[in-house]
N, C-alpha and C. Protein backbone atom coordinates (compact mmCIF):
# COMPACT_ATOMS: atom_id res chain seq x y z
N UNK A 1 1.09 -1.29 -0.20
CA UNK A 1 0.11 0.14 0.13
C UNK A 1 0.80 1.19 -0.32
N UNK A 2 0.43 1.98 -0.63
CA UNK A 2 1.64 3.33 -1.31
C UNK A 2 0.82 4.33 -0.78
N UNK A 3 1.29 5.14 0.16
CA UNK A 3 0.72 6.09 1.05
C UNK A 3 0.78 7.56 0.31
N UNK A 4 1.78 7.43 -0.44
CA UNK A 4 2.57 8.61 -0.72
C UNK A 4 1.16 9.23 -1.54
N UNK A 5 0.17 8.95 -2.35
CA UNK A 5 -0.77 10.15 -2.56
C UNK A 5 -2.06 10.47 -1.26
N UNK A 6 -2.09 9.06 -1.12
CA UNK A 6 -2.53 10.31 0.59
C UNK A 6 -1.81 11.13 1.57
N UNK A 7 -0.24 10.58 1.47
CA UNK A 7 0.41 12.33 2.19
C UNK A 7 0.01 13.10 1.62
N UNK A 8 0.15 12.75 0.25
CA UNK A 8 0.34 14.38 -0.63
C UNK A 8 -1.56 15.01 -1.00
N UNK A 9 -2.61 14.35 -0.50
CA UNK A 9 -3.87 14.71 -0.52
C UNK A 9 -3.62 15.43 0.66
N UNK A 10 -2.95 15.37 1.79
CA UNK A 10 -3.31 15.74 3.67
C UNK A 10 -2.57 17.06 3.62
N UNK A 11 -1.12 16.88 2.66
CA UNK A 11 -0.75 17.92 3.02
C UNK A 11 -0.97 18.91 2.34
N UNK A 12 -1.72 18.99 0.62
CA UNK A 12 -2.45 19.98 -0.08
C UNK A 12 -3.81 20.31 0.88
N UNK A 13 -4.52 19.47 1.40
CA UNK A 13 -5.64 20.02 2.65
C UNK A 13 -4.94 20.86 3.79
N UNK A 14 -4.01 20.56 4.25
CA UNK A 14 -3.64 21.02 5.16
C UNK A 14 -2.91 22.65 5.05
N UNK A 15 -1.99 22.90 3.61
CA UNK A 15 -1.94 23.70 3.10
C UNK A 15 -3.24 24.98 3.18
N UNK A 16 -4.23 24.72 2.49
CA UNK A 16 -5.62 24.55 2.06
C UNK A 16 -6.22 25.78 3.29
N UNK A 17 -6.00 25.08 4.59
CA UNK A 17 -6.27 25.10 5.80
C UNK A 17 -5.62 26.35 6.07
N UNK A 18 -5.07 26.72 6.20
CA UNK A 18 -3.36 27.42 7.06
C UNK A 18 -3.77 28.68 6.21
N UNK A 19 -4.75 28.35 5.09
CA UNK A 19 -4.22 29.61 3.73
C UNK A 19 -5.30 29.99 4.70
N UNK A 20 -6.86 29.12 4.46
CA UNK A 20 -8.07 29.84 4.62
C UNK A 20 -8.16 30.53 5.97
N UNK A 21 -7.30 29.99 7.31
CA UNK A 21 -6.73 30.59 8.28
C UNK A 21 -6.27 31.79 8.51
N UNK A 22 -5.13 31.81 7.75
CA UNK A 22 -4.57 33.39 7.79
C UNK A 22 -5.89 34.20 6.75
N UNK A 23 -6.31 33.53 6.11
CA UNK A 23 -7.62 35.06 5.11
C UNK A 23 -8.55 35.43 6.37
N UNK A 24 -9.04 34.29 6.94
CA UNK A 24 -9.92 34.32 7.90
C UNK A 24 -9.34 35.97 8.69
N UNK A 25 -8.09 35.34 9.30
CA UNK A 25 -7.78 36.25 10.59
C UNK A 25 -7.87 37.81 9.63
N UNK A 26 -6.87 37.61 8.05
CA UNK A 26 -6.95 39.05 7.59
C UNK A 26 -8.41 39.98 7.71
N UNK A 27 -9.49 39.24 7.90
CA UNK A 27 -11.07 40.02 7.48
C UNK A 27 -11.64 40.31 8.80
N UNK A 28 -10.73 39.46 9.86
CA UNK A 28 -11.22 39.92 11.53
C UNK A 28 -10.78 41.07 11.37
N UNK A 29 -9.38 41.36 11.15
CA UNK A 29 -8.45 42.24 11.38
C UNK A 29 -9.17 43.71 10.66
N UNK A 30 -9.79 43.43 9.57
CA UNK A 30 -9.97 44.79 8.96
C UNK A 30 -11.99 45.11 9.37
N UNK A 31 -12.03 43.70 9.52
CA UNK A 31 -12.94 44.49 10.11
C UNK A 31 -13.09 45.09 11.61
N UNK A 32 -12.59 44.99 12.48
CA UNK A 32 -12.22 44.97 13.91
C UNK A 32 -11.27 46.72 13.85
N UNK A 33 -10.87 46.92 12.43
CA UNK A 33 -10.71 48.17 12.41
C UNK A 33 -11.98 49.11 11.80
N UNK A 34 -12.60 48.67 11.25
CA UNK A 34 -14.08 49.17 10.60
C UNK A 34 -15.12 50.08 11.58
N UNK A 35 -14.02 48.40 12.47
CA UNK A 35 -15.99 48.82 13.28
C UNK A 35 -15.16 49.89 14.92
N UNK A 36 -13.85 49.92 15.19
CA UNK A 36 -13.25 50.27 16.16
C UNK A 36 -11.88 51.39 15.96
N UNK A 37 -12.42 52.18 14.94
CA UNK A 37 -11.09 53.16 14.38
C UNK A 37 -10.60 54.10 14.93
N UNK A 38 -10.78 53.93 16.61
CA UNK A 38 -9.91 55.49 17.48
C UNK A 38 -8.93 54.75 18.04
N UNK A 39 -8.07 55.18 17.68
CA UNK A 39 -6.62 54.64 18.84
C UNK A 39 -6.55 55.33 20.01
N UNK A 40 -5.62 54.89 21.24
CA UNK A 40 -6.07 55.38 22.75
C UNK A 40 -6.01 56.60 22.62
N UNK A 41 -4.79 57.19 21.83
CA UNK A 41 -4.13 58.82 21.58
C UNK A 41 -5.08 59.52 21.76
N UNK A 42 -6.34 59.09 20.34
CA UNK A 42 -7.89 60.25 19.85
C UNK A 42 -8.26 60.04 20.79
N UNK A 43 -8.89 59.00 21.68
CA UNK A 43 -9.29 58.83 23.20
C UNK A 43 -8.95 60.07 23.78
N UNK A 44 -7.35 60.29 23.94
CA UNK A 44 -6.99 60.57 24.74
C UNK A 44 -7.35 62.24 24.52
N UNK A 45 -6.36 62.79 23.25
CA UNK A 45 -6.73 64.20 23.38
C UNK A 45 -8.58 64.40 23.02
N UNK A 46 -9.21 63.39 22.51
CA UNK A 46 -10.66 64.52 23.11
C UNK A 46 -11.11 64.57 24.18
N UNK A 47 -10.92 63.65 25.70
CA UNK A 47 -11.21 63.63 26.36
C UNK A 47 -10.23 65.10 26.93
N UNK A 48 -8.89 65.08 26.66
CA UNK A 48 -8.23 65.93 27.37
C UNK A 48 -8.95 67.81 26.59
N UNK A 49 -9.29 67.59 25.51
CA UNK A 49 -10.44 68.23 24.91
C UNK A 49 -11.53 68.43 25.49
N UNK A 50 -12.14 67.88 25.95
CA UNK A 50 -13.35 68.04 26.32
C UNK A 50 -13.64 68.73 27.98
N UNK A 51 -12.02 68.34 28.31
CA UNK A 51 -12.12 69.13 30.12
C UNK A 51 -11.82 70.79 29.80
N UNK A 52 -11.08 70.61 28.64
CA UNK A 52 -10.79 72.14 28.49
C UNK A 52 -11.96 73.14 28.57
N UNK A 53 -12.85 72.65 27.06
CA UNK A 53 -13.99 73.10 27.06
C UNK A 53 -14.67 73.26 27.96
N UNK A 54 -15.00 72.17 29.28
CA UNK A 54 -15.79 72.36 31.04
C UNK A 54 -14.78 73.55 31.22
N UNK A 55 -13.86 73.34 31.61
CA UNK A 55 -13.22 74.67 32.57
C UNK A 55 -13.71 75.69 31.49
N UNK A 56 -13.16 75.92 30.49
CA UNK A 56 -13.69 77.52 29.56
C UNK A 56 -15.42 77.93 30.08
N UNK A 57 -15.89 76.78 29.93
CA UNK A 57 -17.37 77.05 29.61
C UNK A 57 -17.99 77.40 31.13
N UNK A 58 -16.79 76.89 32.23
CA UNK A 58 -17.41 77.38 33.76
C UNK A 58 -16.50 78.98 34.24
N UNK A 59 -15.42 78.97 33.18
CA UNK A 59 -14.69 80.78 33.20
C UNK A 59 -16.10 81.65 32.60
N UNK A 60 -16.93 80.83 31.51
CA UNK A 60 -18.23 82.13 31.02
C UNK A 60 -19.22 81.99 31.83
N UNK A 61 -19.55 81.16 32.24
CA UNK A 61 -20.63 81.11 33.31
C UNK A 61 -20.09 82.18 34.54
N UNK A 62 -18.81 81.96 34.90
CA UNK A 62 -18.54 82.83 36.13
C UNK A 62 -18.89 84.67 35.79
N UNK A 63 -18.60 84.76 34.45
CA UNK A 63 -17.82 86.17 34.02
C UNK A 63 -19.96 86.27 33.32
N UNK A 64 -20.96 85.38 33.10
CA UNK A 64 -22.17 85.86 32.67
C UNK A 64 -22.86 86.44 34.02
N UNK A 65 -22.42 85.46 35.00
CA UNK A 65 -23.22 85.49 36.15
C UNK A 65 -22.63 87.23 37.28
N UNK A 66 -21.15 87.02 36.99
CA UNK A 66 -21.00 88.55 37.38
C UNK A 66 -21.93 89.63 36.74
N UNK A 67 -21.40 89.33 35.63
CA UNK A 67 -22.31 90.37 34.73
C UNK A 67 -23.76 91.22 35.20
N UNK A 68 -24.71 89.63 35.04
CA UNK A 68 -26.09 89.71 35.34
C UNK A 68 -25.98 90.28 37.17
N UNK A 69 -25.05 89.66 37.83
CA UNK A 69 -25.46 90.77 38.73
C UNK A 69 -24.86 92.06 38.61
N UNK A 70 -24.21 92.61 37.77
CA UNK A 70 -23.54 94.43 37.89
C UNK A 70 -25.20 94.98 37.17
N UNK A 71 -25.76 94.04 36.36
CA UNK A 71 -26.89 94.74 35.69
C UNK A 71 -27.60 94.93 36.53
N UNK A 72 -27.94 93.33 38.00
CA UNK A 72 -29.38 93.71 38.36
C UNK A 72 -28.93 94.94 39.61
N UNK A 73 -27.92 94.74 40.06
CA UNK A 73 -27.11 96.27 40.89
C UNK A 73 -27.65 97.56 39.82
N UNK A 74 -27.16 97.70 38.45
CA UNK A 74 -28.36 99.38 37.97
C UNK A 74 -29.53 98.97 37.98
N UNK A 75 -30.18 97.99 37.31
CA UNK A 75 -31.44 98.06 37.47
C UNK A 75 -31.91 98.97 39.24
N UNK A 76 -31.40 98.11 40.00
CA UNK A 76 -32.24 98.35 41.48
C UNK A 76 -31.37 99.95 41.04
N UNK A 77 -30.40 100.09 40.65
CA UNK A 77 -30.32 101.76 41.56
C UNK A 77 -30.98 102.71 40.37
N UNK A 78 -31.32 102.77 39.04
CA UNK A 78 -31.98 103.38 38.79
C UNK A 78 -33.73 102.82 38.94
N UNK A 79 -34.11 101.86 39.36
CA UNK A 79 -35.52 101.87 39.93
C UNK A 79 -35.46 102.79 41.21
N UNK A 80 -34.44 103.01 41.92
CA UNK A 80 -34.06 104.13 42.96
C UNK A 80 -34.43 105.33 42.95
N UNK A 81 -33.71 105.44 41.85
CA UNK A 81 -33.99 106.53 41.06
C UNK A 81 -35.17 107.21 40.79
N UNK A 82 -35.54 106.21 39.69
CA UNK A 82 -37.24 106.56 39.77
C UNK A 82 -38.63 106.73 40.42
N UNK A 83 -38.38 105.80 41.58
CA UNK A 83 -38.62 106.21 42.87
C UNK A 83 -38.05 107.60 43.80
N UNK A 84 -37.23 108.22 43.25
CA UNK A 84 -36.90 109.20 44.05
C UNK A 84 -38.16 110.66 42.96
N UNK A 85 -37.66 110.44 41.71
CA UNK A 85 -37.69 111.17 40.86
C UNK A 85 -39.79 111.13 41.16
N UNK A 86 -40.36 110.04 41.22
CA UNK A 86 -41.75 109.70 41.05
C UNK A 86 -42.45 110.60 42.50
N UNK A 87 -41.72 110.59 44.01
CA UNK A 87 -42.15 110.95 45.21
C UNK A 87 -42.17 112.77 44.25
N UNK A 88 -40.61 113.07 44.20
CA UNK A 88 -40.62 114.51 43.61
C UNK A 88 -41.16 115.21 42.55
N UNK A 89 -41.99 114.37 41.52
CA UNK A 89 -42.97 114.64 40.58
C UNK A 89 -44.38 115.15 41.89
N UNK A 90 -44.68 114.00 42.56
CA UNK A 90 -45.59 114.35 43.75
C UNK A 90 -45.83 115.34 44.61
N UNK A 91 -44.28 115.48 44.60
CA UNK A 91 -44.09 116.82 45.64
C UNK A 91 -44.48 117.94 45.02
N UNK A 92 -44.21 118.05 43.76
CA UNK A 92 -44.47 118.97 42.89
C UNK A 92 -46.17 119.30 42.46
N UNK A 93 -46.79 118.23 42.28
CA UNK A 93 -47.92 117.86 41.75
C UNK A 93 -48.49 118.52 42.63
N UNK A 94 -48.56 118.08 44.14
CA UNK A 94 -49.18 118.70 45.42
C UNK A 94 -48.61 120.23 45.80
N UNK A 95 -47.75 120.60 45.21
CA UNK A 95 -47.40 122.18 45.51
C UNK A 95 -47.75 122.72 44.62
N UNK A 96 -48.05 122.47 43.34
CA UNK A 96 -48.92 123.40 42.65
C UNK A 96 -50.43 122.92 42.33
N UNK A 97 -51.05 121.72 42.98
CA UNK A 97 -52.27 121.89 43.69
C UNK A 97 -52.15 123.26 44.57
N UNK A 98 -51.64 123.58 45.54
CA UNK A 98 -51.56 124.17 46.29
C UNK A 98 -51.16 125.48 46.09
N UNK A 99 -50.73 126.09 45.32
CA UNK A 99 -50.36 126.90 44.96
C UNK A 99 -51.27 127.69 43.22
N UNK A 100 -52.31 126.48 43.26
CA UNK A 100 -53.41 126.88 42.56
C UNK A 100 -54.60 127.43 43.20
N UNK A 101 -54.73 127.21 44.40
CA UNK A 101 -55.68 127.93 45.74
C UNK A 101 -55.94 129.07 46.45
N UNK A 102 -54.35 129.48 45.65
CA UNK A 102 -54.15 130.65 46.29
C UNK A 102 -53.39 132.47 44.68
N UNK A 103 -53.31 133.27 45.37
CA UNK A 103 -53.06 134.16 44.62
C UNK A 103 -52.12 134.30 43.40
N UNK A 104 -51.21 132.97 43.98
CA UNK A 104 -50.66 132.98 42.06
C UNK A 104 -51.01 132.54 41.40
N UNK A 105 -52.35 132.11 41.02
CA UNK A 105 -52.71 131.75 39.48
C UNK A 105 -53.73 132.29 39.24
N UNK A 106 -53.69 133.85 39.37
CA UNK A 106 -53.88 134.93 38.73
C UNK A 106 -52.64 135.84 37.95
N UNK A 107 -51.48 135.17 38.93
CA UNK A 107 -50.70 136.07 37.56
C UNK A 107 -50.34 134.92 36.79
N UNK A 108 -50.28 133.81 36.74
CA UNK A 108 -50.22 132.64 36.11
C UNK A 108 -51.24 132.55 35.13
N UNK A 109 -52.31 132.94 35.04
CA UNK A 109 -53.46 133.17 33.80
C UNK A 109 -52.72 134.41 33.59
N UNK A 110 -52.74 134.96 33.99
CA UNK A 110 -52.08 136.89 33.12
C UNK A 110 -51.27 136.43 32.03
N UNK A 111 -50.34 135.66 32.72
CA UNK A 111 -49.27 135.14 31.68
C UNK A 111 -49.58 134.45 30.68
N UNK A 112 -50.72 132.94 30.78
CA UNK A 112 -51.03 132.82 29.53
C UNK A 112 -51.18 133.07 28.79
N UNK A 113 -52.99 134.04 29.44
CA UNK A 113 -53.47 134.61 28.16
C UNK A 113 -52.54 135.66 27.91
N UNK A 114 -51.65 136.46 28.40
CA UNK A 114 -51.08 137.56 27.17
C UNK A 114 -50.11 136.17 26.34
N UNK A 115 -49.44 135.49 26.35
CA UNK A 115 -48.19 134.65 26.11
C UNK A 115 -49.79 134.04 24.45
N UNK A 116 -50.61 133.53 24.95
CA UNK A 116 -51.20 132.50 24.18
C UNK A 116 -51.43 133.51 23.29
N UNK A 117 -52.86 134.31 22.80
CA UNK A 117 -52.46 134.89 21.84
C UNK A 117 -51.43 135.25 21.07
N UNK A 118 -50.67 135.22 21.14
CA UNK A 118 -48.99 135.72 20.14
C UNK A 118 -48.78 134.15 18.83
N UNK A 119 -48.58 133.48 20.06
CA UNK A 119 -48.85 132.04 19.83
C UNK A 119 -49.41 131.38 18.21
N UNK A 120 -50.85 131.85 19.09
CA UNK A 120 -52.07 131.18 17.77
C UNK A 120 -52.60 132.48 16.98
N UNK A 121 -51.85 133.59 17.12
CA UNK A 121 -52.01 134.26 15.99
C UNK A 121 -50.66 133.64 14.99
N UNK A 122 -49.51 133.18 15.66
CA UNK A 122 -48.43 133.35 14.93
C UNK A 122 -48.68 132.05 13.86
N UNK A 123 -49.31 130.79 14.86
CA UNK A 123 -49.59 129.91 14.11
C UNK A 123 -50.64 129.25 13.23
N UNK A 124 -51.37 130.45 13.37
CA UNK A 124 -52.78 130.80 12.40
C UNK A 124 -52.38 131.76 11.32
N UNK A 125 -51.14 131.85 11.10
CA UNK A 125 -51.12 132.56 10.29
C UNK A 125 -49.88 131.33 8.88
N UNK A 126 -49.25 130.21 9.74
CA UNK A 126 -49.19 129.70 8.71
C UNK A 126 -49.66 128.67 8.07
N UNK A 127 -49.69 128.69 6.63
CA UNK A 127 -50.19 127.41 5.74
C UNK A 127 -49.02 126.39 6.06
N UNK A 128 -49.82 124.75 6.34
CA UNK A 128 -48.39 123.87 5.98
C UNK A 128 -49.30 122.88 5.42
N UNK A 129 -50.06 122.65 4.45
CA UNK A 129 -50.37 121.82 3.81
C UNK A 129 -49.69 121.83 2.29
N UNK A 130 -49.60 120.70 2.22
CA UNK A 130 -49.21 120.14 1.15
C UNK A 130 -47.18 120.06 1.40
N UNK A 131 -47.33 119.94 2.86
CA UNK A 131 -45.20 119.69 3.68
C UNK A 131 -46.04 118.38 4.48
N UNK A 132 -44.58 118.03 3.88
CA UNK A 132 -43.75 116.76 5.16
C UNK A 132 -43.69 117.11 6.77
N UNK A 133 -43.76 116.38 7.20
CA UNK A 133 -43.35 116.98 9.11
C UNK A 133 -42.44 117.08 8.75
N UNK A 134 -41.07 117.14 8.42
CA UNK A 134 -39.66 117.48 8.31
C UNK A 134 -39.96 118.95 7.63
N UNK A 135 -41.11 119.44 7.03
CA UNK A 135 -40.65 120.96 6.07
C UNK A 135 -41.35 121.43 6.89
N UNK A 136 -42.31 120.85 7.46
CA UNK A 136 -43.13 121.75 8.62
C UNK A 136 -42.63 121.96 9.88
N UNK A 137 -41.21 121.62 10.15
CA UNK A 137 -40.78 121.85 11.21
C UNK A 137 -40.13 122.49 11.59
N UNK A 138 -39.07 122.79 10.01
CA UNK A 138 -38.24 123.37 9.39
C UNK A 138 -38.56 124.94 9.62
N UNK A 139 -39.68 124.86 8.40
CA UNK A 139 -40.36 126.27 8.09
C UNK A 139 -41.03 127.39 9.72
N UNK A 140 -41.63 126.08 10.52
CA UNK A 140 -42.08 126.90 11.65
C UNK A 140 -40.78 126.98 12.34
N UNK A 141 -40.10 126.76 12.37
CA UNK A 141 -38.61 127.00 13.06
C UNK A 141 -38.02 127.72 13.00
N UNK A 142 -38.17 128.15 11.33
CA UNK A 142 -37.21 129.54 10.32
C UNK A 142 -38.22 130.38 11.13
N UNK A 143 -39.70 130.40 11.20
CA UNK A 143 -40.33 131.29 11.27
C UNK A 143 -40.68 131.77 12.08
N UNK A 144 -39.71 132.29 13.62
CA UNK A 144 -39.62 132.27 14.74
C UNK A 144 -40.16 131.48 15.87
N UNK A 145 -40.38 130.46 15.67
CA UNK A 145 -41.39 129.29 16.86
C UNK A 145 -40.25 128.71 17.29
N UNK A 146 -40.68 127.93 19.05
CA UNK A 146 -39.30 127.65 19.20
C UNK A 146 -39.95 126.40 19.31
N UNK A 147 -38.61 125.35 19.31
CA UNK A 147 -38.80 123.69 19.31
C UNK A 147 -40.18 123.15 20.11
N UNK A 148 -40.42 124.17 21.31
CA UNK A 148 -41.47 123.84 22.39
C UNK A 148 -42.42 123.64 21.46
N UNK A 149 -42.88 124.77 21.08
CA UNK A 149 -44.61 125.82 20.33
C UNK A 149 -44.16 124.99 18.86
N UNK A 150 -43.34 124.55 18.20
CA UNK A 150 -43.41 123.78 16.96
C UNK A 150 -44.16 122.08 17.25
N UNK A 151 -43.18 121.57 18.57
CA UNK A 151 -44.35 120.43 19.16
C UNK A 151 -45.97 120.35 18.95
N UNK A 152 -45.90 121.32 19.88
CA UNK A 152 -46.93 121.70 20.14
C UNK A 152 -48.29 121.34 18.91
N UNK A 153 -47.88 123.00 18.10
CA UNK A 153 -48.40 122.86 16.57
C UNK A 153 -48.65 121.31 16.09
N UNK A 154 -47.54 121.10 15.69
CA UNK A 154 -47.54 119.44 15.43
C UNK A 154 -48.40 118.85 15.76
N UNK A 155 -48.30 118.30 17.34
CA UNK A 155 -48.79 117.13 17.87
C UNK A 155 -47.36 115.69 17.93
N UNK A 156 -46.24 116.68 18.15
CA UNK A 156 -45.12 115.47 17.90
C UNK A 156 -44.23 116.08 19.64
N UNK A 157 -43.24 115.30 19.45
CA UNK A 157 -42.77 115.50 20.95
C UNK A 157 -41.66 116.20 20.55
N UNK A 158 -40.86 117.00 21.54
CA UNK A 158 -39.34 118.55 21.40
C UNK A 158 -38.35 117.82 20.68
N UNK A 159 -38.49 115.76 21.30
CA UNK A 159 -37.38 115.21 20.86
C UNK A 159 -37.29 115.17 19.15
N UNK A 160 -38.56 115.17 18.73
CA UNK A 160 -38.75 114.65 17.04
C UNK A 160 -38.15 116.11 16.61
N UNK A 161 -39.02 117.24 17.14
CA UNK A 161 -38.13 118.28 17.14
C UNK A 161 -36.59 118.74 16.32
N UNK A 162 -36.25 118.29 17.62
CA UNK A 162 -34.88 118.80 18.07
C UNK A 162 -33.71 117.83 17.01
N UNK A 163 -34.66 116.57 16.62
CA UNK A 163 -34.05 115.51 15.67
C UNK A 163 -33.63 116.31 14.46
N UNK A 164 -35.41 116.64 14.07
CA UNK A 164 -35.13 117.09 12.62
C UNK A 164 -34.35 118.25 12.58
N UNK A 165 -34.86 119.58 13.58
CA UNK A 165 -33.47 120.88 13.11
C UNK A 165 -32.34 120.27 13.47
N UNK A 166 -31.61 119.18 13.94
CA UNK A 166 -30.11 118.68 13.95
C UNK A 166 -30.15 118.40 13.06
N UNK A 167 -30.60 117.41 12.03
CA UNK A 167 -30.30 116.86 10.86
C UNK A 167 -30.90 116.24 9.77
N UNK A 168 -32.22 117.63 9.94
CA UNK A 168 -32.96 117.77 8.72
C UNK A 168 -32.61 118.55 7.79
N UNK A 169 -31.35 119.47 8.09
CA UNK A 169 -31.34 120.82 7.01
C UNK A 169 -30.10 120.55 6.34
């Protein structure tokens, strides 16, 4: 009995099996690289970056807290100022109502009746039809009316009149 053909077949099968094992090993490695394509250095870099971002975000939040506290303090100061202004306004109103019952009102009425007809006569002489608001403001101010009178005549604020006079010419 000759074992040579049998040994040759075993040798070829053994070689094919080794080749198949090597091929499967390479396939497993390529699949492993595709699934986990991050090295330890990459993970360390990512965690360090995240730590830096957390520290920076804490600094920014502290700055925001400080800024918010400063704004709150400013708002509290403004509220205090507004309260003080309201109290002064109430005092002025109460003193005006007191003066209205006295003889001072006679003098105020005399001055008002004296100046009002002049303003009304000046205002009646102006023909403002067909003019824009800007043109009306400029025209009235050029004809001797004060910004307060122009604002009363046109029904706008004095600030608007001053803005038109400052930038409108």
